[in-house]
């Protein structure tokens, strides 16, 4: 148990530059919200729904985060700050980071029958502040949702979603960042969806120009070596 808690605290320290030690993380409201949810979820699975709701309301009062007891949460969820709302059928996998004022909300099922109506966040997803992810959609592994984005469609693995209604930047996350991107929001203008097609073409042109320059250098080097090789060959014949 102590080892699991230490690993959890270390995972938060790795994603947040603010704390100077694990002790500070122990005071984070997001950490306490997840802890209270573990208790509420156990009661919910035991069909002690009233008690589960009591724990949920206590947690919301103390931490400012409202996590339905029915939500399924994996390992090392980091809720940075508070005012996060997570619905009943939401599923959160491992190493997910959620910033303030995020909603994992439901949509009204077309058949009027309740069921899976909240999103699923896969491993290593980052959700920026104020984002709204709505409906039974799936955010793929390493997906990034930018601040204030409204997502209502599935997010491909490694994609970054920005805007209202959210659109993919079409630039896979692994092509421009390391393992973790704070706040889930790219800051460079080159990831602006309004201009990204032109910029991708420019990137391709830059790569082609570098490759062409490399080929020309190789050709010139080969041409320079050829006379010397012929000269050495003629000397041996003589």
C-alpha atoms as a PDB file:
ATOM      1  CA  UNK A   1       0.000   0.000   0.000  1.00  0.00           C
ATOM      2  CA  UNK A   2       2.771   2.452   0.950  1.00  0.00           C
ATOM      3  CA  UNK A   3       4.669   1.591  -2.242  1.00  0.00           C
ATOM      4  CA  UNK A   4       1.572   2.242  -4.354  1.00  0.00           C
ATOM      5  CA  UNK A   5       1.007   5.596  -2.667  1.00  0.00           C
ATOM      6  CA  UNK A   6       4.643   6.574  -3.197  1.00  0.00           C
ATOM      7  CA  UNK A   7       4.437   5.644  -6.881  1.00  0.00           C
ATOM      8  CA  UNK A   8       1.242   7.707  -7.194  1.00  0.00           C
ATOM      9  CA  UNK A   9       2.847  10.739  -5.550  1.00  0.00           C
ATOM     10  CA  UNK A  10       5.940  10.401  -7.736  1.00  0.00           C
ATOM     11  CA  UNK A  11       3.770  10.269 -10.868  1.00  0.00           C
ATOM     12  CA  UNK A  12       2.189  13.587  -9.875  1.00  0.00           C
ATOM     13  CA  UNK A  13       5.542  15.202  -9.084  1.00  0.00           C
ATOM     14  CA  UNK A  14       6.752  14.123 -12.539  1.00  0.00           C
ATOM     15  CA  UNK A  15       3.820  15.938 -14.177  1.00  0.00           C
ATOM     16  CA  UNK A  16       3.681  19.063 -12.027  1.00  0.00           C
ATOM     17  CA  UNK A  17       6.637  21.456 -11.601  1.00  0.00           C
ATOM     18  CA  UNK A  18       5.080  23.174  -8.572  1.00  0.00           C
ATOM     19  CA  UNK A  19       5.604  20.741  -5.633  1.00  0.00           C
ATOM     20  CA  UNK A  20       8.969  20.646  -3.887  1.00  0.00           C
ATOM     21  CA  UNK A  21       8.271  17.306  -2.248  1.00  0.00           C
ATOM     22  CA  UNK A  22       5.763  14.476  -1.968  1.00  0.00           C
ATOM     23  CA  UNK A  23       4.416  16.062   1.229  1.00  0.00           C
ATOM     24  CA  UNK A  24       3.012  18.997  -0.735  1.00  0.00           C
ATOM     25  CA  UNK A  25       1.202  16.634  -3.105  1.00  0.00           C
ATOM     26  CA  UNK A  26      -0.563  15.075  -0.111  1.00  0.00           C
ATOM     27  CA  UNK A  27      -2.428  18.372   0.277  1.00  0.00           C
ATOM     28  CA  UNK A  28      -3.668  18.488  -3.328  1.00  0.00           C
ATOM     29  CA  UNK A  29      -7.498  18.494  -3.513  1.00  0.00           C
ATOM     30  CA  UNK A  30      -7.349  16.380  -6.663  1.00  0.00           C
ATOM     31  CA  UNK A  31      -5.492  13.630  -4.826  1.00  0.00           C
ATOM     32  CA  UNK A  32      -8.063  13.626  -2.037  1.00  0.00           C
ATOM     33  CA  UNK A  33     -10.899  13.628  -4.585  1.00  0.00           C
ATOM     34  CA  UNK A  34      -9.511  10.458  -6.152  1.00  0.00           C
ATOM     35  CA  UNK A  35      -9.036   8.900  -2.702  1.00  0.00           C
ATOM     36  CA  UNK A  36     -12.609   9.638  -1.636  1.00  0.00           C
ATOM     37  CA  UNK A  37     -13.817   8.306  -4.983  1.00  0.00           C
ATOM     38  CA  UNK A  38     -12.131   4.962  -4.328  1.00  0.00           C
ATOM     39  CA  UNK A  39     -14.262   4.632  -1.210  1.00  0.00           C
ATOM     40  CA  UNK A  40     -17.433   5.800  -2.950  1.00  0.00           C
ATOM     41  CA  UNK A  41     -16.847   3.473  -5.905  1.00  0.00           C
ATOM     42  CA  UNK A  42     -16.407   0.480  -3.566  1.00  0.00           C
ATOM     43  CA  UNK A  43     -19.721   1.325  -1.891  1.00  0.00           C
ATOM     44  CA  UNK A  44     -21.363   1.821  -5.300  1.00  0.00           C
ATOM     45  CA  UNK A  45     -20.232  -1.608  -6.494  1.00  0.00           C
ATOM     46  CA  UNK A  46     -21.589  -3.049  -3.247  1.00  0.00           C
ATOM     47  CA  UNK A  47     -24.961  -1.446  -4.159  1.00  0.00           C
ATOM     48  CA  UNK A  48     -24.804   0.834  -1.134  1.00  0.00           C
ATOM     49  CA  UNK A  49     -25.842   3.716  -3.343  1.00  0.00           C
ATOM     50  CA  UNK A  50     -26.962   6.115  -0.620  1.00  0.00           C
ATOM     51  CA  UNK A  51     -23.692   5.771   1.292  1.00  0.00           C
ATOM     52  CA  UNK A  52     -21.750   6.117  -1.941  1.00  0.00           C
ATOM     53  CA  UNK A  53     -23.570   9.369  -2.660  1.00  0.00           C
ATOM     54  CA  UNK A  54     -22.865  10.629   0.850  1.00  0.00           C
ATOM     55  CA  UNK A  55     -19.132  10.089   0.339  1.00  0.00           C
ATOM     56  CA  UNK A  56     -19.384  11.740  -3.067  1.00  0.00           C
ATOM     57  CA  UNK A  57     -21.079  14.833  -1.605  1.00  0.00           C
ATOM     58  CA  UNK A  58     -18.523  15.042   1.197  1.00  0.00           C
ATOM     59  CA  UNK A  59     -15.705  14.836  -1.338  1.00  0.00           C
ATOM     60  CA  UNK A  60     -17.279  17.532  -3.505  1.00  0.00           C
ATOM     61  CA  UNK A  61     -17.650  19.804  -0.469  1.00  0.00           C
ATOM     62  CA  UNK A  62     -14.030  19.296   0.623  1.00  0.00           C
ATOM     63  CA  UNK A  63     -12.243  19.210  -2.744  1.00  0.00           C
ATOM     64  CA  UNK A  64     -14.449  21.002  -5.267  1.00  0.00           C
ATOM     65  CA  UNK A  65     -14.409  17.967  -7.567  1.00  0.00           C
ATOM     66  CA  UNK A  66     -17.573  16.026  -8.390  1.00  0.00           C
ATOM     67  CA  UNK A  67     -16.815  12.426  -9.375  1.00  0.00           C
ATOM     68  CA  UNK A  68     -19.828  10.152  -9.640  1.00  0.00           C
ATOM     69  CA  UNK A  69     -19.376   6.998  -7.546  1.00  0.00           C
ATOM     70  CA  UNK A  70     -20.034   4.869 -10.630  1.00  0.00           C
ATOM     71  CA  UNK A  71     -17.147   6.270 -12.655  1.00  0.00           C
ATOM     72  CA  UNK A  72     -14.259   3.868 -13.269  1.00  0.00           C
ATOM     73  CA  UNK A  73     -10.788   5.297 -12.628  1.00  0.00           C
ATOM     74  CA  UNK A  74      -7.472   3.558 -13.270  1.00  0.00           C
ATOM     75  CA  UNK A  75      -4.052   4.176 -11.768  1.00  0.00           C
ATOM     76  CA  UNK A  76      -2.355   7.539 -11.226  1.00  0.00           C
ATOM     77  CA  UNK A  77      -5.119   9.950 -12.215  1.00  0.00           C
ATOM     78  CA  UNK A  78      -3.865  13.483 -11.601  1.00  0.00           C
ATOM     79  CA  UNK A  79      -6.533  16.172 -11.181  1.00  0.00           C
ATOM     80  CA  UNK A  80      -4.657  19.467 -11.071  1.00  0.00           C
ATOM     81  CA  UNK A  81      -6.655  21.993  -8.990  1.00  0.00           C
ATOM     82  CA  UNK A  82     -10.402  21.393  -9.005  1.00  0.00           C
ATOM     83  CA  UNK A  83     -13.954  21.947 -10.223  1.00  0.00           C
ATOM     84  CA  UNK A  84     -13.804  18.820 -12.353  1.00  0.00           C
ATOM     85  CA  UNK A  85     -17.027  16.921 -13.108  1.00  0.00           C
ATOM     86  CA  UNK A  86     -16.866  13.241 -14.046  1.00  0.00           C
ATOM     87  CA  UNK A  87     -20.057  11.395 -14.949  1.00  0.00           C
ATOM     88  CA  UNK A  88     -21.346   8.002 -13.888  1.00  0.00           C
ATOM     89  CA  UNK A  89     -20.317   5.895 -16.898  1.00  0.00           C
ATOM     90  CA  UNK A  90     -17.014   7.677 -17.543  1.00  0.00           C
ATOM     91  CA  UNK A  91     -13.934   5.463 -17.762  1.00  0.00           C
ATOM     92  CA  UNK A  92     -10.459   6.801 -17.073  1.00  0.00           C
ATOM     93  CA  UNK A  93      -7.468   4.585 -17.736  1.00  0.00           C
ATOM     94  CA  UNK A  94      -3.925   4.922 -16.360  1.00  0.00           C
ATOM     95  CA  UNK A  95      -1.711   8.029 -16.047  1.00  0.00           C
ATOM     96  CA  UNK A  96      -4.375  10.502 -17.145  1.00  0.00           C
ATOM     97  CA  UNK A  97      -3.970  14.210 -16.355  1.00  0.00           C
ATOM     98  CA  UNK A  98      -6.985  16.504 -16.019  1.00  0.00           C
ATOM     99  CA  UNK A  99      -6.738  20.227 -15.378  1.00  0.00           C
ATOM    100  CA  UNK A 100      -9.307  22.530 -13.750  1.00  0.00           C
ATOM    101  CA  UNK A 101     -12.935  23.012 -14.786  1.00  0.00           C
ATOM    102  CA  UNK A 102     -13.087  19.956 -17.064  1.00  0.00           C
ATOM    103  CA  UNK A 103     -16.340  18.089 -17.634  1.00  0.00           C
ATOM    104  CA  UNK A 104     -16.580  14.468 -18.701  1.00  0.00           C
ATOM    105  CA  UNK A 105     -20.264  14.764 -19.438  1.00  0.00           C
ATOM    106  CA  UNK A 106     -23.027  12.615 -20.832  1.00  0.00           C
ATOM    107  CA  UNK A 107     -25.367  12.951 -23.758  1.00  0.00           C
ATOM    108  CA  UNK A 108     -28.996  11.923 -23.939  1.00  0.00           C
ATOM    109  CA  UNK A 109     -29.211   8.457 -25.523  1.00  0.00           C
ATOM    110  CA  UNK A 110     -31.272   8.499 -28.729  1.00  0.00           C
ATOM    111  CA  UNK A 111     -33.271   5.454 -27.625  1.00  0.00           C
ATOM    112  CA  UNK A 112     -34.053   6.999 -24.240  1.00  0.00           C
ATOM    113  CA  UNK A 113     -32.438   4.069 -22.426  1.00  0.00           C
ATOM    114  CA  UNK A 114     -29.591   4.824 -20.069  1.00  0.00           C
ATOM    115  CA  UNK A 115     -26.281   3.110 -20.649  1.00  0.00           C
ATOM    116  CA  UNK A 116     -22.772   4.146 -21.601  1.00  0.00           C
ATOM    117  CA  UNK A 117     -23.235   7.899 -22.043  1.00  0.00           C
ATOM    118  CA  UNK A 118     -19.942   9.388 -20.811  1.00  0.00           C
ATOM    119  CA  UNK A 119     -16.468   9.407 -22.368  1.00  0.00           C
ATOM    120  CA  UNK A 120     -13.572   6.993 -22.051  1.00  0.00           C
ATOM    121  CA  UNK A 121     -10.060   8.413 -21.619  1.00  0.00           C
ATOM    122  CA  UNK A 122      -7.307   6.004 -22.608  1.00  0.00           C
ATOM    123  CA  UNK A 123      -3.810   5.792 -21.106  1.00  0.00           C
ATOM    124  CA  UNK A 124      -1.676   8.956 -20.855  1.00  0.00           C
ATOM    125  CA  UNK A 125      -4.399  11.347 -22.015  1.00  0.00           C
ATOM    126  CA  UNK A 126      -4.070  15.028 -21.068  1.00  0.00           C
ATOM    127  CA  UNK A 127      -7.147  17.269 -20.838  1.00  0.00           C
ATOM    128  CA  UNK A 128      -6.562  21.027 -20.723  1.00  0.00           C
ATOM    129  CA  UNK A 129      -8.392  23.470 -18.456  1.00  0.00           C
ATOM    130  CA  UNK A 130     -12.037  24.125 -19.236  1.00  0.00           C
ATOM    131  CA  UNK A 131     -12.359  21.361 -21.819  1.00  0.00           C
ATOM    132  CA  UNK A 132     -15.701  19.621 -22.243  1.00  0.00           C
ATOM    133  CA  UNK A 133     -15.693  16.005 -23.431  1.00  0.00           C
ATOM    134  CA  UNK A 134     -19.240  14.871 -24.042  1.00  0.00           C
ATOM    135  CA  UNK A 135     -20.881  11.577 -24.842  1.00  0.00           C
ATOM    136  CA  UNK A 136     -19.786   7.927 -25.067  1.00  0.00           C
ATOM    137  CA  UNK A 137     -16.702   8.723 -27.119  1.00  0.00           C
ATOM    138  CA  UNK A 138     -13.147   7.438 -26.783  1.00  0.00           C
ATOM    139  CA  UNK A 139     -10.052   9.608 -26.458  1.00  0.00           C
ATOM    140  CA  UNK A 140      -7.220   7.448 -27.769  1.00  0.00           C
ATOM    141  CA  UNK A 141      -3.922   6.784 -26.013  1.00  0.00           C
ATOM    142  CA  UNK A 142      -1.707   9.866 -25.606  1.00  0.00           C
ATOM    143  CA  UNK A 143      -4.521  12.065 -26.901  1.00  0.00           C
ATOM    144  CA  UNK A 144      -4.410  15.747 -25.969  1.00  0.00           C
ATOM    145  CA  UNK A 145      -7.476  17.953 -25.533  1.00  0.00           C
ATOM    146  CA  UNK A 146      -6.636  21.648 -25.556  1.00  0.00           C
ATOM    147  CA  UNK A 147      -8.003  24.209 -23.116  1.00  0.00           C
ATOM    148  CA  UNK A 148     -11.701  25.060 -23.592  1.00  0.00           C
ATOM    149  CA  UNK A 149     -12.086  22.550 -26.418  1.00  0.00           C
ATOM    150  CA  UNK A 150     -15.479  20.879 -26.832  1.00  0.00           C
ATOM    151  CA  UNK A 151     -15.047  17.273 -27.956  1.00  0.00           C
ATOM    152  CA  UNK A 152     -18.027  15.238 -29.174  1.00  0.00           C
ATOM    153  CA  UNK A 153     -16.296  12.755 -31.493  1.00  0.00           C
ATOM    154  CA  UNK A 154     -13.695  10.046 -30.954  1.00  0.00           C
ATOM    155  CA  UNK A 155     -10.115  11.291 -30.700  1.00  0.00           C
ATOM    156  CA  UNK A 156      -7.495   9.259 -32.613  1.00  0.00           C
ATOM    157  CA  UNK A 157      -4.504   7.918 -30.742  1.00  0.00           C
ATOM    158  CA  UNK A 158      -1.859  10.611 -30.286  1.00  0.00           C
ATOM    159  CA  UNK A 159      -3.978  13.427 -31.750  1.00  0.00           C
ATOM    160  CA  UNK A 160      -4.356  16.922 -30.298  1.00  0.00           C
ATOM    161  CA  UNK A 161      -7.850  18.455 -30.304  1.00  0.00           C
ATOM    162  CA  UNK A 162      -8.452  22.205 -30.180  1.00  0.00           C
ATOM    163  CA  UNK A 163     -11.380  24.554 -30.710  1.00  0.00           C
ATOM    164  CA  UNK A 164     -15.174  24.548 -30.543  1.00  0.00           C
ATOM    165  CA  UNK A 165     -16.239  22.128 -31.973  1.00  0.00           C
ATOM    166  CA  UNK A 166     -12.839  20.503 -31.417  1.00  0.00           C
ATOM    167  CA  UNK A 167     -10.794  19.585 -34.479  1.00  0.00           C
ATOM    168  CA  UNK A 168      -7.607  17.598 -34.682  1.00  0.00           C
ATOM    169  CA  UNK A 169      -4.384  19.409 -35.500  1.00  0.00           C
ATOM    170  CA  UNK A 170      -3.522  16.339 -37.610  1.00  0.00           C
ATOM    171  CA  UNK A 171      -0.041  16.459 -36.096  1.00  0.00           C
ATOM    172  CA  UNK A 172       0.577  13.316 -34.018  1.00  0.00           C
ATOM    173  CA  UNK A 173       1.620  14.213 -30.501  1.00  0.00           C
ATOM    174  CA  UNK A 174       4.767  12.121 -30.618  1.00  0.00           C
ATOM    175  CA  UNK A 175       6.151  14.157 -33.548  1.00  0.00           C
ATOM    176  CA  UNK A 176       6.563  17.350 -31.573  1.00  0.00           C
ATOM    177  CA  UNK A 177       6.751  16.570 -27.886  1.00  0.00           C
ATOM    178  CA  UNK A 178       8.235  14.375 -25.223  1.00  0.00           C
ATOM    179  CA  UNK A 179       6.304  11.991 -23.003  1.00  0.00           C
ATOM    180  CA  UNK A 180       4.336  14.721 -21.232  1.00  0.00           C
ATOM    181  CA  UNK A 181       3.035  18.091 -22.400  1.00  0.00           C
ATOM    182  CA  UNK A 182       1.927  20.378 -19.536  1.00  0.00           C
ATOM    183  CA  UNK A 183      -1.661  21.603 -19.753  1.00  0.00           C
ATOM    184  CA  UNK A 184      -2.375  19.546 -22.879  1.00  0.00           C
ATOM    185  CA  UNK A 185      -2.287  22.624 -25.104  1.00  0.00           C
ATOM    186  CA  UNK A 186       0.378  23.316 -27.749  1.00  0.00           C
ATOM    187  CA  UNK A 187       1.480  26.951 -27.645  1.00  0.00           C
ATOM    188  CA  UNK A 188       3.172  27.293 -31.039  1.00  0.00           C
ATOM    189  CA  UNK A 189       1.202  28.862 -33.871  1.00  0.00           C
ATOM    190  CA  UNK A 190       2.329  26.077 -36.164  1.00  0.00           C
ATOM    191  CA  UNK A 191      -0.385  23.894 -34.670  1.00  0.00           C
ATOM    192  CA  UNK A 192      -3.195  26.309 -35.515  1.00  0.00           C
ATOM    193  CA  UNK A 193      -5.795  24.194 -37.375  1.00  0.00           C
ATOM    194  CA  UNK A 194      -6.630  27.153 -39.653  1.00  0.00           C
ATOM    195  CA  UNK A 195      -3.153  27.100 -41.215  1.00  0.00           C
ATOM    196  CA  UNK A 196      -1.774  23.670 -40.414  1.00  0.00           C
ATOM    197  CA  UNK A 197      -2.151  22.214 -43.939  1.00  0.00           C
ATOM    198  CA  UNK A 198       0.055  24.919 -45.424  1.00  0.00           C
ATOM    199  CA  UNK A 199       2.523  24.531 -42.597  1.00  0.00           C
ATOM    200  CA  UNK A 200       2.688  20.756 -43.037  1.00  0.00           C
ATOM    201  CA  UNK A 201       3.459  21.285 -46.727  1.00  0.00           C
ATOM    202  CA  UNK A 202       6.164  23.757 -45.726  1.00  0.00           C
ATOM    203  CA  UNK A 203       7.646  21.169 -43.369  1.00  0.00           C
ATOM    204  CA  UNK A 204       7.638  18.593 -46.158  1.00  0.00           C
ATOM    205  CA  UNK A 205       9.348  21.100 -48.474  1.00  0.00           C
ATOM    206  CA  UNK A 206      12.028  21.741 -45.848  1.00  0.00           C
ATOM    207  CA  UNK A 207      12.687  18.013 -45.517  1.00  0.00           C
ATOM    208  CA  UNK A 208      12.888  17.623 -49.315  1.00  0.00           C
ATOM    209  CA  UNK A 209      15.279  20.567 -49.626  1.00  0.00           C
ATOM    210  CA  UNK A 210      17.568  19.131 -46.961  1.00  0.00           C
ATOM    211  CA  UNK A 211      17.517  15.750 -48.676  1.00  0.00           C
ATOM    212  CA  UNK A 212      18.269  17.344 -52.053  1.00  0.00           C
ATOM    213  CA  UNK A 213      21.193  19.275 -50.581  1.00  0.00           C
ATOM    214  CA  UNK A 214      22.515  16.056 -49.069  1.00  0.00           C
ATOM    215  CA  UNK A 215      22.268  14.232 -52.416  1.00  0.00           C
ATOM    216  CA  UNK A 216      24.059  17.073 -54.203  1.00  0.00           C
ATOM    217  CA  UNK A 217      26.861  16.967 -51.651  1.00  0.00           C
ATOM    218  CA  UNK A 218      27.179  13.207 -52.125  1.00  0.00           C
ATOM    219  CA  UNK A 219      27.265  13.633 -55.921  1.00  0.00           C
ATOM    220  CA  UNK A 220      29.939  16.343 -55.728  1.00  0.00           C
ATOM    221  CA  UNK A 221      32.018  14.212 -53.365  1.00  0.00           C
ATOM    222  CA  UNK A 222      31.745  11.227 -55.690  1.00  0.00           C
ATOM    223  CA  UNK A 223      32.693  13.402 -58.690  1.00  0.00           C
ATOM    224  CA  UNK A 224      35.739  14.719 -56.836  1.00  0.00           C
ATOM    225  CA  UNK A 225      36.912  11.204 -55.995  1.00  0.00           C
ATOM    226  CA  UNK A 226      36.520   9.853 -59.542  1.00  0.00           C
ATOM    227  CA  UNK A 227      39.539  11.677 -61.181  1.00  0.00           C
ATOM    228  CA  UNK A 228      41.784  10.679 -58.300  1.00  0.00           C
ATOM    229  CA  UNK A 229      40.732   7.058 -58.693  1.00  0.00           C
ATOM    230  CA  UNK A 230      41.383   7.151 -62.457  1.00  0.00           C
ATOM    231  CA  UNK A 231      44.781   8.742 -61.874  1.00  0.00           C
ATOM    232  CA  UNK A 232      45.765   6.019 -59.419  1.00  0.00           C
ATOM    233  CA  UNK A 233      44.603   3.384 -61.895  1.00  0.00           C
ATOM    234  CA  UNK A 234      46.701   4.904 -64.727  1.00  0.00           C
ATOM    235  CA  UNK A 235      49.803   5.017 -62.525  1.00  0.00           C
ATOM    236  CA  UNK A 236      49.517   1.314 -61.720  1.00  0.00           C
ATOM    237  CA  UNK A 237      49.135   0.425 -65.416  1.00  0.00           C
ATOM    238  CA  UNK A 238      52.302   2.325 -66.292  1.00  0.00           C
END
